[in-house]
Amino acid sequence: MRILLDTHALLWAANKSLSPSALALLEDTANELYFSTVSIWEIELKRRRLNTDPKAFYQNLLHNGYQELSLTARQVLSLSQLPALHSDPFDRILLAQALSEQIYLLTDDEALQRYSEYVDCIINY
């Protein structure tokens, strides 16, 4: 299964503070793990609040086998197909990427589950 982690899920995965079922998904070598350039951008914009170095975070993702999913114009244009169920621009573009590429999205945002069966909500603990 191909899995795109949203920004919060990536941050929690780095700290191993996900639920056991979410960690099992990430540790299953049959799954392909992805991160979006959008998440790196979000971390850069919120770096002080998140207390995270985006460059080191990015390098750590690559080192741990995550694949980068770059943002394309096709994905951006697909935003117009999404109903206005959610207003956060970062979450909406991550969702658009996942739906456009048919990648399973792991998120902590339950509101995103209303969009598709490709979205799963995980709760950190």
N, C-alpha and C. Protein backbone atom coordinates (compact mmCIF):
# COMPACT_ATOMS: atom_id res chain seq x y z
N MET A 1 0.84 -1.17 0.00
CA MET A 1 0.00 0.00 0.00
C MET A 1 0.89 1.25 0.00
N ARG A 2 0.48 2.24 -0.76
CA ARG A 2 1.19 3.52 -0.78
C ARG A 2 0.53 4.46 0.22
N ILE A 3 1.33 5.04 1.11
CA ILE A 3 0.80 5.85 2.21
C ILE A 3 1.48 7.22 2.22
N LEU A 4 0.66 8.27 2.17
CA LEU A 4 1.12 9.65 2.33
C LEU A 4 0.76 10.09 3.74
N LEU A 5 1.74 10.54 4.49
CA LEU A 5 1.49 11.03 5.84
C LEU A 5 1.31 12.54 5.79
N ASP A 6 0.31 13.04 6.49
CA ASP A 6 0.18 14.49 6.56
C ASP A 6 1.24 15.02 7.51
N THR A 7 1.32 16.32 7.64
CA THR A 7 2.42 16.94 8.39
C THR A 7 2.44 16.50 9.85
N HIS A 8 1.29 16.51 10.51
CA HIS A 8 1.26 16.07 11.91
C HIS A 8 1.68 14.61 12.05
N ALA A 9 1.19 13.77 11.17
CA ALA A 9 1.54 12.36 11.24
C ALA A 9 3.04 12.17 11.05
N LEU A 10 3.65 12.94 10.16
CA LEU A 10 5.10 12.86 9.97
C LEU A 10 5.84 13.25 11.24
N LEU A 11 5.40 14.33 11.86
CA LEU A 11 6.05 14.80 13.09
C LEU A 11 5.90 13.77 14.21
N TRP A 12 4.71 13.19 14.33
CA TRP A 12 4.49 12.18 15.36
C TRP A 12 5.26 10.91 15.05
N ALA A 13 5.35 10.53 13.80
CA ALA A 13 6.10 9.34 13.42
C ALA A 13 7.57 9.50 13.79
N ALA A 14 8.09 10.70 13.59
CA ALA A 14 9.50 10.96 13.93
C ALA A 14 9.75 10.77 15.42
N ASN A 15 8.74 11.03 16.23
CA ASN A 15 8.87 10.88 17.69
C ASN A 15 8.29 9.56 18.20
N LYS A 16 7.86 8.70 17.27
CA LYS A 16 7.26 7.40 17.63
C LYS A 16 6.06 7.59 18.56
N SER A 17 5.30 8.67 18.38
CA SER A 17 4.15 8.92 19.24
C SER A 17 2.84 8.72 18.48
N LEU A 18 2.80 7.66 17.69
CA LEU A 18 1.58 7.27 16.99
C LEU A 18 0.98 6.05 17.67
N SER A 19 -0.24 5.76 17.33
CA SER A 19 -0.89 4.57 17.88
C SER A 19 -0.15 3.32 17.40
N PRO A 20 -0.27 2.23 18.11
CA PRO A 20 0.39 0.99 17.68
C PRO A 20 -0.04 0.55 16.27
N SER A 21 -1.32 0.74 15.92
CA SER A 21 -1.76 0.33 14.58
C SER A 21 -1.14 1.21 13.50
N ALA A 22 -1.00 2.50 13.76
CA ALA A 22 -0.36 3.39 12.79
C ALA A 22 1.12 3.07 12.65
N LEU A 23 1.79 2.83 13.78
CA LEU A 23 3.21 2.45 13.73
C LEU A 23 3.40 1.14 12.97
N ALA A 24 2.49 0.21 13.13
CA ALA A 24 2.58 -1.07 12.41
C ALA A 24 2.50 -0.84 10.90
N LEU A 25 1.62 0.07 10.47
CA LEU A 25 1.54 0.41 9.04
C LEU A 25 2.87 0.95 8.53
N LEU A 26 3.48 1.82 9.33
CA LEU A 26 4.72 2.46 8.90
C LEU A 26 5.90 1.49 8.92
N GLU A 27 5.85 0.51 9.79
CA GLU A 27 6.95 -0.45 9.91
C GLU A 27 6.81 -1.62 8.94
N ASP A 28 5.66 -1.76 8.32
CA ASP A 28 5.43 -2.84 7.36
C ASP A 28 6.20 -2.53 6.08
N THR A 29 7.21 -3.31 5.79
CA THR A 29 8.08 -3.04 4.64
C THR A 29 7.38 -3.21 3.29
N ALA A 30 6.18 -3.79 3.31
CA ALA A 30 5.41 -3.90 2.06
C ALA A 30 4.78 -2.56 1.67
N ASN A 31 4.69 -1.64 2.62
CA ASN A 31 4.10 -0.33 2.35
C ASN A 31 5.15 0.66 1.86
N GLU A 32 4.75 1.50 0.92
CA GLU A 32 5.60 2.59 0.44
C GLU A 32 5.17 3.86 1.15
N LEU A 33 6.10 4.51 1.83
CA LEU A 33 5.79 5.70 2.61
C LEU A 33 6.20 6.96 1.86
N TYR A 34 5.30 7.95 1.87
CA TYR A 34 5.52 9.20 1.15
C TYR A 34 5.35 10.39 2.08
N PHE A 35 6.07 11.45 1.75
CA PHE A 35 5.84 12.75 2.37
C PHE A 35 5.72 13.75 1.22
N SER A 36 5.01 14.81 1.47
CA SER A 36 4.80 15.83 0.45
C SER A 36 5.74 17.02 0.65
N THR A 37 6.13 17.62 -0.45
CA THR A 37 6.87 18.88 -0.35
C THR A 37 6.04 19.92 0.39
N VAL A 38 4.74 19.78 0.35
CA VAL A 38 3.84 20.70 1.06
C VAL A 38 4.10 20.62 2.56
N SER A 39 4.34 19.43 3.08
CA SER A 39 4.62 19.27 4.51
C SER A 39 5.93 19.95 4.90
N ILE A 40 6.93 19.83 4.03
CA ILE A 40 8.20 20.50 4.31
C ILE A 40 7.99 22.02 4.31
N TRP A 41 7.19 22.51 3.38
CA TRP A 41 6.87 23.94 3.33
C TRP A 41 6.14 24.37 4.61
N GLU A 42 5.16 23.56 5.06
CA GLU A 42 4.43 23.89 6.28
C GLU A 42 5.37 23.92 7.49
N ILE A 43 6.27 22.95 7.57
CA ILE A 43 7.23 22.92 8.68
C ILE A 43 8.14 24.14 8.62
N GLU A 44 8.56 24.53 7.43
CA GLU A 44 9.39 25.72 7.27
C GLU A 44 8.65 26.97 7.77
N LEU A 45 7.41 27.10 7.39
CA LEU A 45 6.62 28.28 7.81
C LEU A 45 6.38 28.30 9.32
N LYS A 46 6.29 27.12 9.94
CA LYS A 46 5.97 27.02 11.37
C LYS A 46 7.16 26.53 12.19
N ARG A 47 8.35 26.69 11.66
CA ARG A 47 9.54 26.10 12.28
C ARG A 47 9.76 26.52 13.72
N ARG A 48 9.53 27.78 14.05
CA ARG A 48 9.75 28.23 15.43
C ARG A 48 8.72 27.61 16.37
N ARG A 49 7.47 27.61 15.95
CA ARG A 49 6.41 27.05 16.79
C ARG A 49 6.58 25.54 16.95
N LEU A 50 6.99 24.88 15.87
CA LEU A 50 7.18 23.42 15.91
C LEU A 50 8.53 23.02 16.50
N ASN A 51 9.43 23.99 16.59
CA ASN A 51 10.79 23.72 17.07
C ASN A 51 11.43 22.58 16.28
N THR A 52 11.32 22.69 14.96
CA THR A 52 11.82 21.65 14.07
C THR A 52 12.62 22.28 12.94
N ASP A 53 13.78 21.76 12.68
CA ASP A 53 14.60 22.21 11.55
C ASP A 53 14.12 21.50 10.29
N PRO A 54 13.50 22.22 9.36
CA PRO A 54 12.95 21.55 8.18
C PRO A 54 13.98 20.82 7.33
N LYS A 55 15.19 21.36 7.23
CA LYS A 55 16.22 20.70 6.42
C LYS A 55 16.63 19.36 7.04
N ALA A 56 16.86 19.35 8.33
CA ALA A 56 17.21 18.11 9.03
C ALA A 56 16.05 17.12 8.98
N PHE A 57 14.83 17.63 9.13
CA PHE A 57 13.65 16.77 9.07
C PHE A 57 13.54 16.11 7.70
N TYR A 58 13.71 16.90 6.65
CA TYR A 58 13.66 16.41 5.27
C TYR A 58 14.72 15.32 5.05
N GLN A 59 15.94 15.58 5.47
CA GLN A 59 17.01 14.60 5.29
C GLN A 59 16.73 13.31 6.07
N ASN A 60 16.13 13.45 7.25
CA ASN A 60 15.78 12.29 8.06
C ASN A 60 14.71 11.44 7.37
N LEU A 61 13.74 12.10 6.75
CA LEU A 61 12.71 11.36 6.01
C LEU A 61 13.33 10.53 4.89
N LEU A 62 14.20 11.16 4.12
CA LEU A 62 14.86 10.44 3.02
C LEU A 62 15.71 9.29 3.55
N HIS A 63 16.43 9.55 4.63
CA HIS A 63 17.28 8.53 5.25
C HIS A 63 16.47 7.32 5.72
N ASN A 64 15.23 7.57 6.13
CA ASN A 64 14.36 6.51 6.64
C ASN A 64 13.48 5.88 5.57
N GLY A 65 13.78 6.15 4.31
CA GLY A 65 13.11 5.46 3.22
C GLY A 65 11.83 6.08 2.71
N TYR A 66 11.47 7.26 3.21
CA TYR A 66 10.28 7.93 2.69
C TYR A 66 10.58 8.48 1.31
N GLN A 67 9.56 8.47 0.45
CA GLN A 67 9.69 9.02 -0.89
C GLN A 67 9.01 10.39 -0.94
N GLU A 68 9.64 11.29 -1.66
CA GLU A 68 9.09 12.64 -1.77
C GLU A 68 8.02 12.69 -2.85
N LEU A 69 6.89 13.28 -2.53
CA LEU A 69 5.81 13.51 -3.48
C LEU A 69 5.78 15.00 -3.77
N SER A 70 6.25 15.37 -4.95
CA SER A 70 6.27 16.78 -5.33
C SER A 70 4.88 17.24 -5.74
N LEU A 71 4.63 18.51 -5.57
CA LEU A 71 3.34 19.10 -5.93
C LEU A 71 3.32 19.42 -7.42
N THR A 72 2.25 19.00 -8.08
CA THR A 72 2.11 19.25 -9.52
C THR A 72 0.92 20.17 -9.77
N ALA A 73 0.92 20.79 -10.93
CA ALA A 73 -0.21 21.65 -11.32
C ALA A 73 -1.49 20.84 -11.39
N ARG A 74 -1.42 19.61 -11.88
CA ARG A 74 -2.60 18.75 -11.95
C ARG A 74 -3.22 18.55 -10.58
N GLN A 75 -2.38 18.35 -9.58
CA GLN A 75 -2.88 18.17 -8.22
C GLN A 75 -3.53 19.45 -7.70
N VAL A 76 -2.89 20.58 -7.96
CA VAL A 76 -3.45 21.86 -7.53
C VAL A 76 -4.80 22.11 -8.19
N LEU A 77 -4.89 21.83 -9.47
CA LEU A 77 -6.14 22.05 -10.19
C LEU A 77 -7.25 21.12 -9.71
N SER A 78 -6.89 19.98 -9.14
CA SER A 78 -7.91 19.06 -8.64
C SER A 78 -8.60 19.60 -7.38
N LEU A 79 -8.04 20.63 -6.77
CA LEU A 79 -8.68 21.23 -5.60
C LEU A 79 -10.09 21.71 -5.90
N SER A 80 -10.32 22.14 -7.13
CA SER A 80 -11.65 22.64 -7.50
C SER A 80 -12.71 21.54 -7.46
N GLN A 81 -12.29 20.29 -7.46
CA GLN A 81 -13.22 19.16 -7.41
C GLN A 81 -13.60 18.78 -5.97
N LEU A 82 -12.88 19.33 -4.99
CA LEU A 82 -13.15 18.98 -3.60
C LEU A 82 -14.26 19.85 -3.03
N PRO A 83 -15.25 19.25 -2.39
CA PRO A 83 -16.26 20.06 -1.72
C PRO A 83 -15.62 20.85 -0.57
N ALA A 84 -16.24 21.92 -0.19
CA ALA A 84 -15.70 22.80 0.86
C ALA A 84 -16.01 22.26 2.25
N LEU A 85 -15.52 21.08 2.55
CA LEU A 85 -15.74 20.46 3.85
C LEU A 85 -14.65 20.83 4.85
N HIS A 86 -13.57 21.39 4.35
CA HIS A 86 -12.39 21.68 5.17
C HIS A 86 -11.73 22.93 4.63
N SER A 87 -11.24 23.79 5.52
CA SER A 87 -10.70 25.07 5.06
C SER A 87 -9.18 25.19 5.15
N ASP A 88 -8.50 24.30 5.87
CA ASP A 88 -7.05 24.42 6.01
C ASP A 88 -6.37 24.16 4.66
N PRO A 89 -5.63 25.13 4.13
CA PRO A 89 -5.04 24.95 2.80
C PRO A 89 -4.00 23.83 2.73
N PHE A 90 -3.24 23.62 3.78
CA PHE A 90 -2.25 22.54 3.78
C PHE A 90 -2.95 21.18 3.72
N ASP A 91 -3.97 21.00 4.55
CA ASP A 91 -4.69 19.73 4.54
C ASP A 91 -5.39 19.50 3.21
N ARG A 92 -5.97 20.54 2.64
CA ARG A 92 -6.68 20.39 1.37
C ARG A 92 -5.73 19.98 0.24
N ILE A 93 -4.55 20.57 0.19
CA ILE A 93 -3.63 20.21 -0.90
C ILE A 93 -3.05 18.82 -0.67
N LEU A 94 -2.79 18.44 0.58
CA LEU A 94 -2.34 17.07 0.84
C LEU A 94 -3.41 16.06 0.44
N LEU A 95 -4.65 16.38 0.73
CA LEU A 95 -5.75 15.53 0.31
C LEU A 95 -5.83 15.45 -1.21
N ALA A 96 -5.71 16.58 -1.87
CA ALA A 96 -5.76 16.61 -3.34
C ALA A 96 -4.63 15.76 -3.92
N GLN A 97 -3.45 15.84 -3.33
CA GLN A 97 -2.33 15.01 -3.80
C GLN A 97 -2.66 13.53 -3.63
N ALA A 98 -3.15 13.16 -2.45
CA ALA A 98 -3.45 11.75 -2.19
C ALA A 98 -4.51 11.23 -3.14
N LEU A 99 -5.56 12.00 -3.33
CA LEU A 99 -6.64 11.56 -4.22
C LEU A 99 -6.18 11.50 -5.67
N SER A 100 -5.41 12.49 -6.10
CA SER A 100 -4.91 12.52 -7.48
C SER A 100 -4.00 11.33 -7.78
N GLU A 101 -3.21 10.93 -6.81
CA GLU A 101 -2.24 9.86 -7.00
C GLU A 101 -2.74 8.52 -6.47
N GLN A 102 -3.95 8.49 -5.95
CA GLN A 102 -4.53 7.29 -5.35
C GLN A 102 -3.60 6.68 -4.30
N ILE A 103 -3.20 7.55 -3.40
CA ILE A 103 -2.36 7.17 -2.27
C ILE A 103 -3.19 7.32 -1.00
N TYR A 104 -3.07 6.39 -0.11
CA TYR A 104 -3.76 6.40 1.17
C TYR A 104 -3.19 7.53 2.01
N LEU A 105 -4.03 8.40 2.58
CA LEU A 105 -3.59 9.53 3.41
C LEU A 105 -3.81 9.21 4.87
N LEU A 106 -2.73 9.28 5.66
CA LEU A 106 -2.83 9.15 7.11
C LEU A 106 -2.81 10.54 7.71
N THR A 107 -3.80 10.85 8.52
CA THR A 107 -3.94 12.18 9.09
C THR A 107 -4.51 12.08 10.50
N ASP A 108 -4.41 13.16 11.26
CA ASP A 108 -5.07 13.22 12.57
C ASP A 108 -6.37 14.01 12.48
N ASP A 109 -6.70 14.47 11.30
CA ASP A 109 -7.86 15.33 11.10
C ASP A 109 -9.07 14.52 10.65
N GLU A 110 -9.98 14.28 11.58
CA GLU A 110 -11.16 13.47 11.29
C GLU A 110 -12.03 14.07 10.20
N ALA A 111 -12.01 15.39 10.04
CA ALA A 111 -12.83 16.04 9.02
C ALA A 111 -12.44 15.59 7.61
N LEU A 112 -11.19 15.22 7.43
CA LEU A 112 -10.74 14.78 6.11
C LEU A 112 -11.30 13.42 5.71
N GLN A 113 -11.71 12.62 6.67
CA GLN A 113 -12.26 11.30 6.37
C GLN A 113 -13.55 11.40 5.56
N ARG A 114 -14.23 12.52 5.63
CA ARG A 114 -15.49 12.67 4.90
C ARG A 114 -15.27 12.74 3.39
N TYR A 115 -14.04 12.90 2.95
CA TYR A 115 -13.76 13.04 1.53
C TYR A 115 -13.63 11.72 0.79
N SER A 116 -13.07 10.72 1.43
CA SER A 116 -12.73 9.53 0.65
C SER A 116 -12.38 8.34 1.54
N GLU A 117 -12.54 7.16 0.96
CA GLU A 117 -12.09 5.94 1.63
C GLU A 117 -10.56 5.83 1.62
N TYR A 118 -9.89 6.73 0.88
CA TYR A 118 -8.43 6.74 0.86
C TYR A 118 -7.85 7.51 2.05
N VAL A 119 -8.70 8.02 2.92
CA VAL A 119 -8.24 8.80 4.06
C VAL A 119 -8.51 8.00 5.32
N ASP A 120 -7.50 7.90 6.19
CA ASP A 120 -7.66 7.24 7.47
C ASP A 120 -7.20 8.19 8.56
N CYS A 121 -7.99 8.28 9.59
CA CYS A 121 -7.64 9.16 10.69
C CYS A 121 -6.90 8.36 11.76
N ILE A 122 -5.77 8.87 12.16
CA ILE A 122 -5.00 8.26 13.23
C ILE A 122 -4.92 9.26 14.38
N ILE A 123 -4.87 8.77 15.54
CA ILE A 123 -4.78 9.64 16.71
C ILE A 123 -3.48 9.29 17.43
N ASN A 124 -2.69 10.34 17.69
CA ASN A 124 -1.46 10.07 18.44
C ASN A 124 -1.81 9.96 19.92
N TYR A 125 -0.88 9.50 20.69
CA TYR A 125 -1.14 9.37 22.13
C TYR A 125 0.06 9.81 22.91
